[in-house]
Amino acid sequence: FAITNKLIALADLQLIPYRKNGRWGFCTSNKKIVIGCIYKKTLPFKNGLAHVQSLMGYWGMIDMQGNVVIPCIYNKFFSFSEGLTCVKKDGKYGFINNRNDLIIPFIYDIAYQFSDGLARVRINNQYGFIGLDGNVVVPIIYDNVQNYNDGVAWVKIGEKYGTIDKLGNVIIPIESLEEPNNYNCENQLTDNLSIEEVNGKYKIIDENKKQLNALLFDSIDIRGIGVSEGMIDVEINGKWGFIDKTGKLVIPFIYDEVFPFFDGLAGVLTNDYWGFIDKKGNEIIQSLYSEVTTFNNGLALITLDNGEEGYINKKGMQYWED
């Protein structure tokens, strides 16, 4: 039972990146430092591991006891996806697993994370896709490519565009001079809602082409997230607010800029400073910060006027000291 209780306690423990005198470590939710502030930068834990940057500027990973799992030897280090992560070392990109085994060698000028078993890569200014075993699936012959969407990716050769499937077969011949718009994905809001332009304004329509409400907006969905937690950010006359997915105006048009709702809160900009509101429009975290991110697992990264960064929780508790 002692071992079980220890595992339960560990699972319940949230370690939060903590900044002290310009260096980073980790603390508990009540600000007790448990992993010393010895790093240039730390990122939140995910699946029991956290990215850390050494004082020399190299990235690696540690576990929740502070043990080094992957040494700080990489110039760039991304999140794990499908069991692998893309890392940069000595000017080239490759892929490792969470034991620091090199799975795909450092031969790429640029590489991106895996999605649906494929990763976008570049060699000598040409793009293609590789599989999880490192074998080339889509030939590295294109001047540009974009990630797959519903099994289709657009590609570019010279000044012309077309589309391919996940095996590299051409779907739309590479003949168009017009850059694709992600197959009209920018007009999709999900939940069977989409955006339609009307004389330079925008309305939201449902799957039956019926307008959601009587309003015409100057902009919709500033971050391209779509319906987020049942809310849509919309703008009229330079001010942003939120409607719900039925079209009801929930939060009035009073903000200079907004982020979508995540973890029940949305970042809002007022008089050059960011704070957070709830879905009723109540100010939960005062507008104090020059930059913010959305909340993720109860934490948001903020930037102060002096350029220093730090994390806050959903109650506004600040995890740093100078």
C-alpha atoms as a PDB file:
ATOM      1  CA  PHE A   1       0.000   0.000   0.000  1.00  0.00           C
ATOM      2  CA  ALA A   2       2.898   2.397   0.677  1.00  0.00           C
ATOM      3  CA  ILE A   3       4.080   2.114  -2.928  1.00  0.00           C
ATOM      4  CA  THR A   4       0.530   2.605  -4.236  1.00  0.00           C
ATOM      5  CA  ASN A   5       0.006   5.686  -2.051  1.00  0.00           C
ATOM      6  CA  LYS A   6       3.322   7.115  -3.230  1.00  0.00           C
ATOM      7  CA  LEU A   7       2.305   6.677  -6.866  1.00  0.00           C
ATOM      8  CA  ILE A   8      -1.075   8.277  -6.219  1.00  0.00           C
ATOM      9  CA  ALA A   9       0.585  11.221  -4.484  1.00  0.00           C
ATOM     10  CA  LEU A  10       2.991  11.619  -7.381  1.00  0.00           C
ATOM     11  CA  ALA A  11       0.165  11.534  -9.900  1.00  0.00           C
ATOM     12  CA  ASP A  12      -1.706  14.225  -7.944  1.00  0.00           C
ATOM     13  CA  LEU A  13       1.363  16.448  -7.646  1.00  0.00           C
ATOM     14  CA  GLN A  14       1.461  19.292 -10.134  1.00  0.00           C
ATOM     15  CA  LEU A  15       4.914  20.709 -10.638  1.00  0.00           C
ATOM     16  CA  ILE A  16       4.907  24.220 -12.041  1.00  0.00           C
ATOM     17  CA  PRO A  17       7.782  25.999 -13.800  1.00  0.00           C
ATOM     18  CA  TYR A  18       9.129  28.546 -11.321  1.00  0.00           C
ATOM     19  CA  ARG A  19      11.457  31.482 -11.979  1.00  0.00           C
ATOM     20  CA  LYS A  20      13.768  32.781  -9.264  1.00  0.00           C
ATOM     21  CA  ASN A  21      16.405  35.429  -9.865  1.00  0.00           C
ATOM     22  CA  GLY A  22      16.458  34.753 -13.585  1.00  0.00           C
ATOM     23  CA  ARG A  23      16.770  30.970 -13.364  1.00  0.00           C
ATOM     24  CA  TRP A  24      14.092  28.314 -13.603  1.00  0.00           C
ATOM     25  CA  GLY A  25      13.101  25.198 -11.695  1.00  0.00           C
ATOM     26  CA  PHE A  26       9.825  23.678 -10.490  1.00  0.00           C
ATOM     27  CA  CYS A  27       7.569  24.201  -7.501  1.00  0.00           C
ATOM     28  CA  THR A  28       4.334  22.819  -6.122  1.00  0.00           C
ATOM     29  CA  SER A  29       1.057  24.705  -6.442  1.00  0.00           C
ATOM     30  CA  ASN A  30       1.775  26.432  -3.112  1.00  0.00           C
ATOM     31  CA  LYS A  31       5.198  27.613  -4.357  1.00  0.00           C
ATOM     32  CA  LYS A  32       7.370  25.074  -2.557  1.00  0.00           C
ATOM     33  CA  ILE A  33      10.448  24.580  -4.761  1.00  0.00           C
ATOM     34  CA  VAL A  34      11.066  20.876  -5.333  1.00  0.00           C
ATOM     35  CA  ILE A  35      13.418  21.005  -8.331  1.00  0.00           C
ATOM     36  CA  GLY A  36      16.031  23.701  -7.920  1.00  0.00           C
ATOM     37  CA  CYS A  37      16.166  26.816 -10.097  1.00  0.00           C
ATOM     38  CA  ILE A  38      19.254  25.824 -12.058  1.00  0.00           C
ATOM     39  CA  TYR A  39      18.004  26.105 -15.631  1.00  0.00           C
ATOM     40  CA  LYS A  40      17.847  28.891 -18.182  1.00  0.00           C
ATOM     41  CA  LYS A  41      14.255  27.877 -18.997  1.00  0.00           C
ATOM     42  CA  THR A  42      11.787  25.143 -18.068  1.00  0.00           C
ATOM     43  CA  LEU A  43       8.479  24.113 -19.656  1.00  0.00           C
ATOM     44  CA  PRO A  44       5.490  22.432 -17.955  1.00  0.00           C
ATOM     45  CA  PHE A  45       5.508  18.686 -17.347  1.00  0.00           C
ATOM     46  CA  LYS A  46       3.671  16.442 -19.765  1.00  0.00           C
ATOM     47  CA  ASN A  47       3.331  12.699 -19.206  1.00  0.00           C
ATOM     48  CA  GLY A  48       5.843  12.893 -16.379  1.00  0.00           C
ATOM     49  CA  LEU A  49       8.591  14.621 -18.370  1.00  0.00           C
ATOM     50  CA  ALA A  50       9.544  18.283 -18.827  1.00  0.00           C
ATOM     51  CA  HIS A  51      11.750  20.139 -21.270  1.00  0.00           C
ATOM     52  CA  VAL A  52      14.595  22.053 -19.621  1.00  0.00           C
ATOM     53  CA  GLN A  53      17.220  24.361 -21.096  1.00  0.00           C
ATOM     54  CA  SER A  54      20.707  24.416 -19.628  1.00  0.00           C
ATOM     55  CA  LEU A  55      22.491  27.671 -18.838  1.00  0.00           C
ATOM     56  CA  MET A  56      24.524  27.031 -21.990  1.00  0.00           C
ATOM     57  CA  GLY A  57      21.311  27.126 -24.038  1.00  0.00           C
ATOM     58  CA  TYR A  58      20.891  23.411 -24.847  1.00  0.00           C
ATOM     59  CA  TRP A  59      17.660  21.446 -24.353  1.00  0.00           C
ATOM     60  CA  GLY A  60      16.938  18.108 -22.715  1.00  0.00           C
ATOM     61  CA  MET A  61      14.317  16.507 -20.430  1.00  0.00           C
ATOM     62  CA  ILE A  62      13.942  15.611 -16.757  1.00  0.00           C
ATOM     63  CA  ASP A  63      11.462  13.521 -14.789  1.00  0.00           C
ATOM     64  CA  MET A  64       9.391  14.682 -11.812  1.00  0.00           C
ATOM     65  CA  GLN A  65      12.205  13.849  -9.389  1.00  0.00           C
ATOM     66  CA  GLY A  66      14.584  16.096 -11.305  1.00  0.00           C
ATOM     67  CA  ASN A  67      16.499  13.182 -12.832  1.00  0.00           C
ATOM     68  CA  VAL A  68      17.943  13.801 -16.289  1.00  0.00           C
ATOM     69  CA  VAL A  69      16.142  11.559 -18.771  1.00  0.00           C
ATOM     70  CA  ILE A  70      17.504  13.150 -21.946  1.00  0.00           C
ATOM     71  CA  PRO A  71      20.703  15.199 -21.560  1.00  0.00           C
ATOM     72  CA  CYS A  72      20.765  18.881 -22.482  1.00  0.00           C
ATOM     73  CA  ILE A  73      22.614  18.495 -25.779  1.00  0.00           C
ATOM     74  CA  TYR A  74      20.088  19.694 -28.366  1.00  0.00           C
ATOM     75  CA  ASN A  75      19.751  23.122 -29.995  1.00  0.00           C
ATOM     76  CA  LYS A  76      16.000  22.615 -30.441  1.00  0.00           C
ATOM     77  CA  PHE A  77      13.673  20.128 -28.821  1.00  0.00           C
ATOM     78  CA  PHE A  78       9.995  19.690 -29.642  1.00  0.00           C
ATOM     79  CA  SER A  79       7.164  17.826 -27.920  1.00  0.00           C
ATOM     80  CA  PHE A  80       6.778  14.081 -28.412  1.00  0.00           C
ATOM     81  CA  SER A  81       4.307  12.979 -31.042  1.00  0.00           C
ATOM     82  CA  GLU A  82       3.579   9.353 -31.926  1.00  0.00           C
ATOM     83  CA  GLY A  83       6.494   8.207 -29.771  1.00  0.00           C
ATOM     84  CA  LEU A  84       9.145  10.415 -31.357  1.00  0.00           C
ATOM     85  CA  THR A  85      10.296  14.001 -31.142  1.00  0.00           C
ATOM     86  CA  CYS A  86      12.157  16.164 -33.603  1.00  0.00           C
ATOM     87  CA  VAL A  87      15.467  17.556 -32.285  1.00  0.00           C
ATOM     88  CA  LYS A  88      18.181  19.755 -33.754  1.00  0.00           C
ATOM     89  CA  LYS A  89      21.880  19.154 -33.207  1.00  0.00           C
ATOM     90  CA  ASP A  90      24.890  20.609 -35.003  1.00  0.00           C
ATOM     91  CA  GLY A  91      22.663  22.335 -37.541  1.00  0.00           C
ATOM     92  CA  LYS A  92      20.634  19.280 -38.590  1.00  0.00           C
ATOM     93  CA  TYR A  93      17.325  17.746 -37.518  1.00  0.00           C
ATOM     94  CA  GLY A  94      16.606  14.142 -36.575  1.00  0.00           C
ATOM     95  CA  PHE A  95      14.212  12.180 -34.339  1.00  0.00           C
ATOM     96  CA  ILE A  96      14.703  10.478 -30.976  1.00  0.00           C
ATOM     97  CA  ASN A  97      12.471   8.460 -28.637  1.00  0.00           C
ATOM     98  CA  ASN A  98      11.964   9.152 -24.928  1.00  0.00           C
ATOM     99  CA  ARG A  99      15.040   7.093 -24.050  1.00  0.00           C
ATOM    100  CA  ASN A 100      17.228   9.348 -26.206  1.00  0.00           C
ATOM    101  CA  ASP A 101      17.711   6.606 -28.799  1.00  0.00           C
ATOM    102  CA  LEU A 102      18.370   8.097 -32.226  1.00  0.00           C
ATOM    103  CA  ILE A 103      15.630   6.655 -34.460  1.00  0.00           C
ATOM    104  CA  ILE A 104      15.984   8.863 -37.533  1.00  0.00           C
ATOM    105  CA  PRO A 105      19.449  10.366 -38.191  1.00  0.00           C
ATOM    106  CA  PHE A 106      20.382  14.040 -38.279  1.00  0.00           C
ATOM    107  CA  ILE A 107      20.192  14.580 -42.027  1.00  0.00           C
ATOM    108  CA  TYR A 108      17.417  17.147 -42.457  1.00  0.00           C
ATOM    109  CA  ASP A 109      17.753  20.915 -42.817  1.00  0.00           C
ATOM    110  CA  ILE A 110      14.278  21.317 -41.325  1.00  0.00           C
ATOM    111  CA  ALA A 111      11.884  18.747 -39.882  1.00  0.00           C
ATOM    112  CA  TYR A 112       8.484  18.897 -38.197  1.00  0.00           C
ATOM    113  CA  GLN A 113       6.592  16.681 -35.775  1.00  0.00           C
ATOM    114  CA  PHE A 114       4.837  13.496 -36.829  1.00  0.00           C
ATOM    115  CA  SER A 115       1.118  13.533 -37.509  1.00  0.00           C
ATOM    116  CA  ASP A 116      -0.785  10.466 -38.721  1.00  0.00           C
ATOM    117  CA  GLY A 117       2.509   8.656 -39.221  1.00  0.00           C
ATOM    118  CA  LEU A 118       4.081  11.286 -41.466  1.00  0.00           C
ATOM    119  CA  ALA A 119       6.538  14.126 -40.853  1.00  0.00           C
ATOM    120  CA  ARG A 120       7.340  17.007 -43.163  1.00  0.00           C
ATOM    121  CA  VAL A 121      11.078  17.359 -43.884  1.00  0.00           C
ATOM    122  CA  ARG A 122      13.386  19.494 -45.996  1.00  0.00           C
ATOM    123  CA  ILE A 123      16.728  18.733 -47.654  1.00  0.00           C
ATOM    124  CA  ASN A 124      18.489  21.212 -49.962  1.00  0.00           C
ATOM    125  CA  ASN A 125      15.382  23.438 -50.096  1.00  0.00           C
ATOM    126  CA  GLN A 126      13.166  20.543 -51.224  1.00  0.00           C
ATOM    127  CA  TYR A 127      10.284  19.151 -49.148  1.00  0.00           C
ATOM    128  CA  GLY A 128       8.642  15.765 -48.756  1.00  0.00           C
ATOM    129  CA  PHE A 129       7.332  13.418 -46.049  1.00  0.00           C
ATOM    130  CA  ILE A 130       8.911  10.530 -44.125  1.00  0.00           C
ATOM    131  CA  GLY A 131       7.353   7.726 -42.081  1.00  0.00           C
ATOM    132  CA  LEU A 132       8.038   6.733 -38.481  1.00  0.00           C
ATOM    133  CA  ASP A 133      10.768   4.364 -39.652  1.00  0.00           C
ATOM    134  CA  GLY A 134      12.561   7.217 -41.413  1.00  0.00           C
ATOM    135  CA  ASN A 135      11.800   5.968 -44.906  1.00  0.00           C
ATOM    136  CA  VAL A 136      10.680   8.511 -47.477  1.00  0.00           C
ATOM    137  CA  VAL A 137       6.944   8.148 -48.168  1.00  0.00           C
ATOM    138  CA  VAL A 138       6.406  11.239 -50.300  1.00  0.00           C
ATOM    139  CA  PRO A 139       9.454  12.118 -52.444  1.00  0.00           C
ATOM    140  CA  ILE A 140      11.499  15.119 -51.321  1.00  0.00           C
ATOM    141  CA  ILE A 141      10.996  16.994 -54.566  1.00  0.00           C
ATOM    142  CA  TYR A 142       8.685  19.903 -53.763  1.00  0.00           C
ATOM    143  CA  ASP A 143       9.513  23.579 -53.290  1.00  0.00           C
ATOM    144  CA  ASN A 144       6.970  23.686 -50.480  1.00  0.00           C
ATOM    145  CA  VAL A 145       4.365  21.467 -48.851  1.00  0.00           C
ATOM    146  CA  GLN A 146       1.834  21.810 -46.071  1.00  0.00           C
ATOM    147  CA  ASN A 147       0.675  19.279 -43.501  1.00  0.00           C
ATOM    148  CA  TYR A 148      -2.105  16.889 -44.388  1.00  0.00           C
ATOM    149  CA  ASN A 149      -5.722  17.781 -43.810  1.00  0.00           C
ATOM    150  CA  ASP A 150      -8.213  14.920 -44.206  1.00  0.00           C
ATOM    151  CA  GLY A 151      -5.577  12.919 -46.033  1.00  0.00           C
ATOM    152  CA  VAL A 152      -4.730  15.665 -48.528  1.00  0.00           C
ATOM    153  CA  ALA A 153      -1.755  18.051 -48.631  1.00  0.00           C
ATOM    154  CA  TRP A 154      -1.039  20.892 -50.988  1.00  0.00           C
ATOM    155  CA  VAL A 155       2.355  21.049 -52.656  1.00  0.00           C
ATOM    156  CA  LYS A 156       4.261  23.602 -54.695  1.00  0.00           C
ATOM    157  CA  ILE A 157       6.683  23.260 -57.597  1.00  0.00           C
ATOM    158  CA  GLY A 158       8.001  26.538 -58.972  1.00  0.00           C
ATOM    159  CA  GLU A 159       5.085  28.935 -58.834  1.00  0.00           C
ATOM    160  CA  LYS A 160       2.399  26.299 -59.269  1.00  0.00           C
ATOM    161  CA  TYR A 161       0.281  24.426 -56.731  1.00  0.00           C
ATOM    162  CA  GLY A 162      -1.547  21.127 -56.531  1.00  0.00           C
ATOM    163  CA  THR A 163      -2.526  18.465 -54.018  1.00  0.00           C
ATOM    164  CA  ILE A 164      -1.350  14.934 -53.163  1.00  0.00           C
ATOM    165  CA  ASP A 165      -2.601  12.060 -51.045  1.00  0.00           C
ATOM    166  CA  LYS A 166      -0.660  10.381 -48.222  1.00  0.00           C
ATOM    167  CA  LEU A 167       1.142   8.103 -50.656  1.00  0.00           C
ATOM    168  CA  GLY A 168       2.287  11.012 -52.778  1.00  0.00           C
ATOM    169  CA  ASN A 169      -0.204  10.403 -55.568  1.00  0.00           C
ATOM    170  CA  VAL A 170      -1.280  13.608 -57.295  1.00  0.00           C
ATOM    171  CA  ILE A 171      -4.944  14.450 -56.723  1.00  0.00           C
ATOM    172  CA  ILE A 172      -5.108  17.927 -58.218  1.00  0.00           C
ATOM    173  CA  PRO A 173      -2.447  18.482 -60.906  1.00  0.00           C
ATOM    174  CA  ILE A 174       0.284  20.937 -60.007  1.00  0.00           C
ATOM    175  CA  GLU A 175      -0.912  23.587 -62.416  1.00  0.00           C
ATOM    176  CA  SER A 176      -2.632  26.320 -60.410  1.00  0.00           C
ATOM    177  CA  LEU A 177      -0.940  29.703 -59.949  1.00  0.00           C
ATOM    178  CA  GLU A 178      -3.162  30.459 -56.965  1.00  0.00           C
ATOM    179  CA  GLU A 179      -2.077  29.336 -53.497  1.00  0.00           C
ATOM    180  CA  PRO A 180      -4.679  27.013 -51.952  1.00  0.00           C
ATOM    181  CA  ASN A 181      -6.546  28.260 -48.898  1.00  0.00           C
ATOM    182  CA  ASN A 182      -6.372  25.029 -46.906  1.00  0.00           C
ATOM    183  CA  TYR A 183      -9.450  23.737 -48.751  1.00  0.00           C
ATOM    184  CA  ASN A 184     -11.618  26.484 -47.269  1.00  0.00           C
ATOM    185  CA  CYS A 185     -10.731  25.329 -43.758  1.00  0.00           C
ATOM    186  CA  GLU A 186     -10.343  28.987 -42.765  1.00  0.00           C
ATOM    187  CA  ASN A 187     -14.118  29.271 -43.211  1.00  0.00           C
ATOM    188  CA  GLN A 188     -14.940  26.347 -40.955  1.00  0.00           C
ATOM    189  CA  LEU A 189     -15.869  26.892 -37.308  1.00  0.00           C
ATOM    190  CA  THR A 190     -16.795  23.244 -36.532  1.00  0.00           C
ATOM    191  CA  ASP A 191     -20.029  22.279 -34.765  1.00  0.00           C
ATOM    192  CA  ASN A 192     -21.546  22.453 -38.284  1.00  0.00           C
ATOM    193  CA  LEU A 193     -20.952  26.197 -38.460  1.00  0.00           C
ATOM    194  CA  SER A 194     -19.026  28.124 -41.098  1.00  0.00           C
ATOM    195  CA  ILE A 195     -18.224  31.675 -42.179  1.00  0.00           C
ATOM    196  CA  GLU A 196     -19.616  33.374 -45.269  1.00  0.00           C
ATOM    197  CA  GLU A 197     -18.553  36.759 -46.651  1.00  0.00           C
ATOM    198  CA  VAL A 198     -21.182  39.379 -47.494  1.00  0.00           C
ATOM    199  CA  ASN A 199     -19.919  42.626 -49.083  1.00  0.00           C
ATOM    200  CA  GLY A 200     -16.771  42.734 -46.987  1.00  0.00           C
ATOM    201  CA  LYS A 201     -18.558  41.645 -43.814  1.00  0.00           C
ATOM    202  CA  TYR A 202     -18.958  38.145 -42.403  1.00  0.00           C
ATOM    203  CA  LYS A 203     -21.844  36.080 -41.137  1.00  0.00           C
ATOM    204  CA  ILE A 204     -22.015  32.678 -39.487  1.00  0.00           C
ATOM    205  CA  ILE A 205     -24.190  30.044 -41.121  1.00  0.00           C
ATOM    206  CA  ASP A 206     -25.223  26.550 -40.080  1.00  0.00           C
ATOM    207  CA  GLU A 207     -25.123  23.358 -42.150  1.00  0.00           C
ATOM    208  CA  ASN A 208     -28.409  24.358 -43.805  1.00  0.00           C
ATOM    209  CA  LYS A 209     -26.929  27.731 -44.909  1.00  0.00           C
ATOM    210  CA  LYS A 210     -29.159  29.506 -42.403  1.00  0.00           C
ATOM    211  CA  GLN A 211     -27.629  32.588 -40.770  1.00  0.00           C
ATOM    212  CA  LEU A 212     -26.971  32.011 -37.086  1.00  0.00           C
ATOM    213  CA  ASN A 213     -28.019  35.505 -36.023  1.00  0.00           C
ATOM    214  CA  ALA A 214     -28.779  38.862 -37.620  1.00  0.00           C
ATOM    215  CA  LEU A 215     -25.305  40.299 -37.010  1.00  0.00           C
ATOM    216  CA  LEU A 216     -22.638  40.937 -39.639  1.00  0.00           C
ATOM    217  CA  PHE A 217     -19.112  40.959 -38.265  1.00  0.00           C
ATOM    218  CA  ASP A 218     -15.933  42.705 -39.389  1.00  0.00           C
ATOM    219  CA  SER A 219     -13.881  39.671 -38.285  1.00  0.00           C
ATOM    220  CA  ILE A 220     -14.579  36.236 -36.833  1.00  0.00           C
ATOM    221  CA  ASP A 221     -12.266  33.811 -35.041  1.00  0.00           C
ATOM    222  CA  ILE A 222      -9.092  35.917 -34.836  1.00  0.00           C
ATOM    223  CA  ARG A 223      -6.850  32.959 -33.941  1.00  0.00           C
ATOM    224  CA  GLY A 224      -8.349  30.451 -36.367  1.00  0.00           C
ATOM    225  CA  ILE A 225      -9.344  28.080 -33.565  1.00  0.00           C
ATOM    226  CA  GLY A 226     -13.036  27.828 -34.440  1.00  0.00           C
ATOM    227  CA  VAL A 227     -15.684  27.097 -31.831  1.00  0.00           C
ATOM    228  CA  SER A 228     -13.762  26.750 -28.572  1.00  0.00           C
ATOM    229  CA  GLU A 229     -15.614  25.533 -25.498  1.00  0.00           C
ATOM    230  CA  GLY A 230     -18.893  26.572 -27.111  1.00  0.00           C
ATOM    231  CA  MET A 231     -17.778  30.155 -27.767  1.00  0.00           C
ATOM    232  CA  ILE A 232     -16.813  32.132 -30.892  1.00  0.00           C
ATOM    233  CA  ASP A 233     -14.842  35.376 -30.795  1.00  0.00           C
ATOM    234  CA  VAL A 234     -16.223  38.080 -33.104  1.00  0.00           C
ATOM    235  CA  GLU A 235     -15.359  41.706 -33.915  1.00  0.00           C
ATOM    236  CA  ILE A 236     -17.372  44.800 -34.831  1.00  0.00           C
ATOM    237  CA  ASN A 237     -15.881  48.283 -35.271  1.00  0.00           C
ATOM    238  CA  GLY A 238     -12.491  47.288 -33.894  1.00  0.00           C
ATOM    239  CA  LYS A 239     -13.810  45.722 -30.688  1.00  0.00           C
ATOM    240  CA  TRP A 240     -14.076  42.025 -29.851  1.00  0.00           C
ATOM    241  CA  GLY A 241     -16.642  40.016 -27.952  1.00  0.00           C
ATOM    242  CA  PHE A 242     -18.011  36.464 -27.840  1.00  0.00           C
ATOM    243  CA  ILE A 243     -21.131  34.717 -29.026  1.00  0.00           C
ATOM    244  CA  ASP A 244     -22.111  31.175 -28.154  1.00  0.00           C
ATOM    245  CA  LYS A 245     -22.728  28.543 -30.812  1.00  0.00           C
ATOM    246  CA  THR A 246     -26.442  29.378 -30.900  1.00  0.00           C
ATOM    247  CA  GLY A 247     -25.573  32.932 -31.975  1.00  0.00           C
ATOM    248  CA  LYS A 248     -26.399  34.605 -28.660  1.00  0.00           C
ATOM    249  CA  LEU A 249     -24.134  37.542 -27.752  1.00  0.00           C
ATOM    250  CA  VAL A 250     -22.667  36.483 -24.409  1.00  0.00           C
ATOM    251  CA  ILE A 251     -19.790  38.925 -23.932  1.00  0.00           C
ATOM    252  CA  PRO A 252     -20.119  42.445 -25.416  1.00  0.00           C
ATOM    253  CA  PHE A 253     -17.774  44.088 -27.919  1.00  0.00           C
ATOM    254  CA  ILE A 254     -15.448  45.869 -25.474  1.00  0.00           C
ATOM    255  CA  TYR A 255     -12.007  44.292 -25.983  1.00  0.00           C
ATOM    256  CA  ASP A 256      -9.164  45.376 -28.241  1.00  0.00           C
ATOM    257  CA  GLU A 257      -8.093  41.769 -28.877  1.00  0.00           C
ATOM    258  CA  VAL A 258      -8.929  38.343 -27.480  1.00  0.00           C
ATOM    259  CA  PHE A 259      -7.831  34.740 -27.247  1.00  0.00           C
ATOM    260  CA  PRO A 260     -10.357  31.885 -27.471  1.00  0.00           C
ATOM    261  CA  PHE A 261     -11.595  30.101 -24.362  1.00  0.00           C
ATOM    262  CA  PHE A 262      -9.447  27.310 -22.963  1.00  0.00           C
ATOM    263  CA  ASP A 263      -9.766  25.819 -19.495  1.00  0.00           C
ATOM    264  CA  GLY A 264     -12.833  28.035 -19.041  1.00  0.00           C
ATOM    265  CA  LEU A 265     -10.952  31.335 -19.406  1.00  0.00           C
ATOM    266  CA  ALA A 266     -10.158  33.657 -22.315  1.00  0.00           C
ATOM    267  CA  GLY A 267      -7.375  36.201 -22.558  1.00  0.00           C
ATOM    268  CA  VAL A 268      -8.596  39.729 -23.287  1.00  0.00           C
ATOM    269  CA  LEU A 269      -6.675  42.904 -24.144  1.00  0.00           C
ATOM    270  CA  THR A 270      -7.714  46.241 -22.674  1.00  0.00           C
ATOM    271  CA  ASN A 271      -5.597  49.405 -22.878  1.00  0.00           C
ATOM    272  CA  ASP A 272      -2.502  47.447 -23.974  1.00  0.00           C
ATOM    273  CA  TYR A 273      -2.648  44.940 -21.114  1.00  0.00           C
ATOM    274  CA  TRP A 274      -3.940  41.383 -20.990  1.00  0.00           C
ATOM    275  CA  GLY A 275      -6.097  39.705 -18.384  1.00  0.00           C
ATOM    276  CA  PHE A 276      -8.588  36.816 -18.343  1.00  0.00           C
ATOM    277  CA  ILE A 277     -12.366  36.550 -18.188  1.00  0.00           C
ATOM    278  CA  ASP A 278     -14.778  33.663 -17.641  1.00  0.00           C
ATOM    279  CA  LYS A 279     -17.671  32.712 -19.905  1.00  0.00           C
ATOM    280  CA  LYS A 280     -19.966  35.204 -18.198  1.00  0.00           C
ATOM    281  CA  GLY A 281     -17.561  38.037 -18.895  1.00  0.00           C
ATOM    282  CA  ASN A 282     -16.389  38.326 -15.286  1.00  0.00           C
ATOM    283  CA  GLU A 283     -12.790  39.493 -14.890  1.00  0.00           C
ATOM    284  CA  ILE A 284     -10.998  36.608 -13.221  1.00  0.00           C
ATOM    285  CA  ILE A 285      -7.410  37.779 -13.655  1.00  0.00           C
ATOM    286  CA  GLN A 286      -6.700  41.504 -13.785  1.00  0.00           C
ATOM    287  CA  SER A 287      -5.221  43.030 -16.957  1.00  0.00           C
ATOM    288  CA  LEU A 288      -1.571  43.283 -15.883  1.00  0.00           C
ATOM    289  CA  TYR A 289       0.460  41.584 -18.583  1.00  0.00           C
ATOM    290  CA  SER A 290       1.988  42.700 -21.872  1.00  0.00           C
ATOM    291  CA  GLU A 291       1.532  39.224 -23.420  1.00  0.00           C
ATOM    292  CA  VAL A 292      -0.269  36.010 -22.481  1.00  0.00           C
ATOM    293  CA  THR A 293      -0.960  32.547 -23.826  1.00  0.00           C
ATOM    294  CA  THR A 294      -4.133  30.533 -23.443  1.00  0.00           C
ATOM    295  CA  PHE A 295      -4.501  28.363 -20.346  1.00  0.00           C
ATOM    296  CA  ASN A 296      -3.426  24.747 -20.655  1.00  0.00           C
ATOM    297  CA  ASN A 297      -3.819  22.305 -17.757  1.00  0.00           C
ATOM    298  CA  GLY A 298      -4.455  25.203 -15.419  1.00  0.00           C
ATOM    299  CA  LEU A 299      -1.418  27.295 -16.376  1.00  0.00           C
ATOM    300  CA  ALA A 300      -0.790  30.227 -18.702  1.00  0.00           C
ATOM    301  CA  LEU A 301       2.532  31.761 -19.688  1.00  0.00           C
ATOM    302  CA  ILE A 302       2.651  35.543 -19.378  1.00  0.00           C
ATOM    303  CA  THR A 303       5.147  38.267 -20.206  1.00  0.00           C
ATOM    304  CA  LEU A 304       5.780  41.302 -18.012  1.00  0.00           C
ATOM    305  CA  ASP A 305       6.645  44.822 -19.130  1.00  0.00           C
ATOM    306  CA  ASN A 306      10.346  44.124 -18.550  1.00  0.00           C
ATOM    307  CA  GLY A 307      10.239  41.132 -20.905  1.00  0.00           C
ATOM    308  CA  GLU A 308      10.487  38.530 -18.149  1.00  0.00           C
ATOM    309  CA  GLU A 309       8.187  35.516 -18.424  1.00  0.00           C
ATOM    310  CA  GLY A 310       6.368  33.532 -15.785  1.00  0.00           C
ATOM    311  CA  TYR A 311       3.429  31.210 -15.198  1.00  0.00           C
ATOM    312  CA  ILE A 312       0.128  31.965 -13.504  1.00  0.00           C
ATOM    313  CA  ASN A 313      -2.654  29.641 -12.425  1.00  0.00           C
ATOM    314  CA  LYS A 314      -6.364  30.192 -12.995  1.00  0.00           C
ATOM    315  CA  LYS A 315      -6.635  32.205  -9.791  1.00  0.00           C
ATOM    316  CA  GLY A 316      -3.872  34.536 -10.918  1.00  0.00           C
ATOM    317  CA  MET A 317      -1.211  33.187  -8.558  1.00  0.00           C
ATOM    318  CA  GLN A 318       2.212  34.161  -9.914  1.00  0.00           C
ATOM    319  CA  TYR A 319       4.980  31.571  -9.938  1.00  0.00           C
ATOM    320  CA  TRP A 320       8.127  33.638  -9.848  1.00  0.00           C
ATOM    321  CA  GLU A 321      10.244  35.854  -7.621  1.00  0.00           C
ATOM    322  CA  ASP A 322      12.985  38.348  -8.466  1.00  0.00           C
END
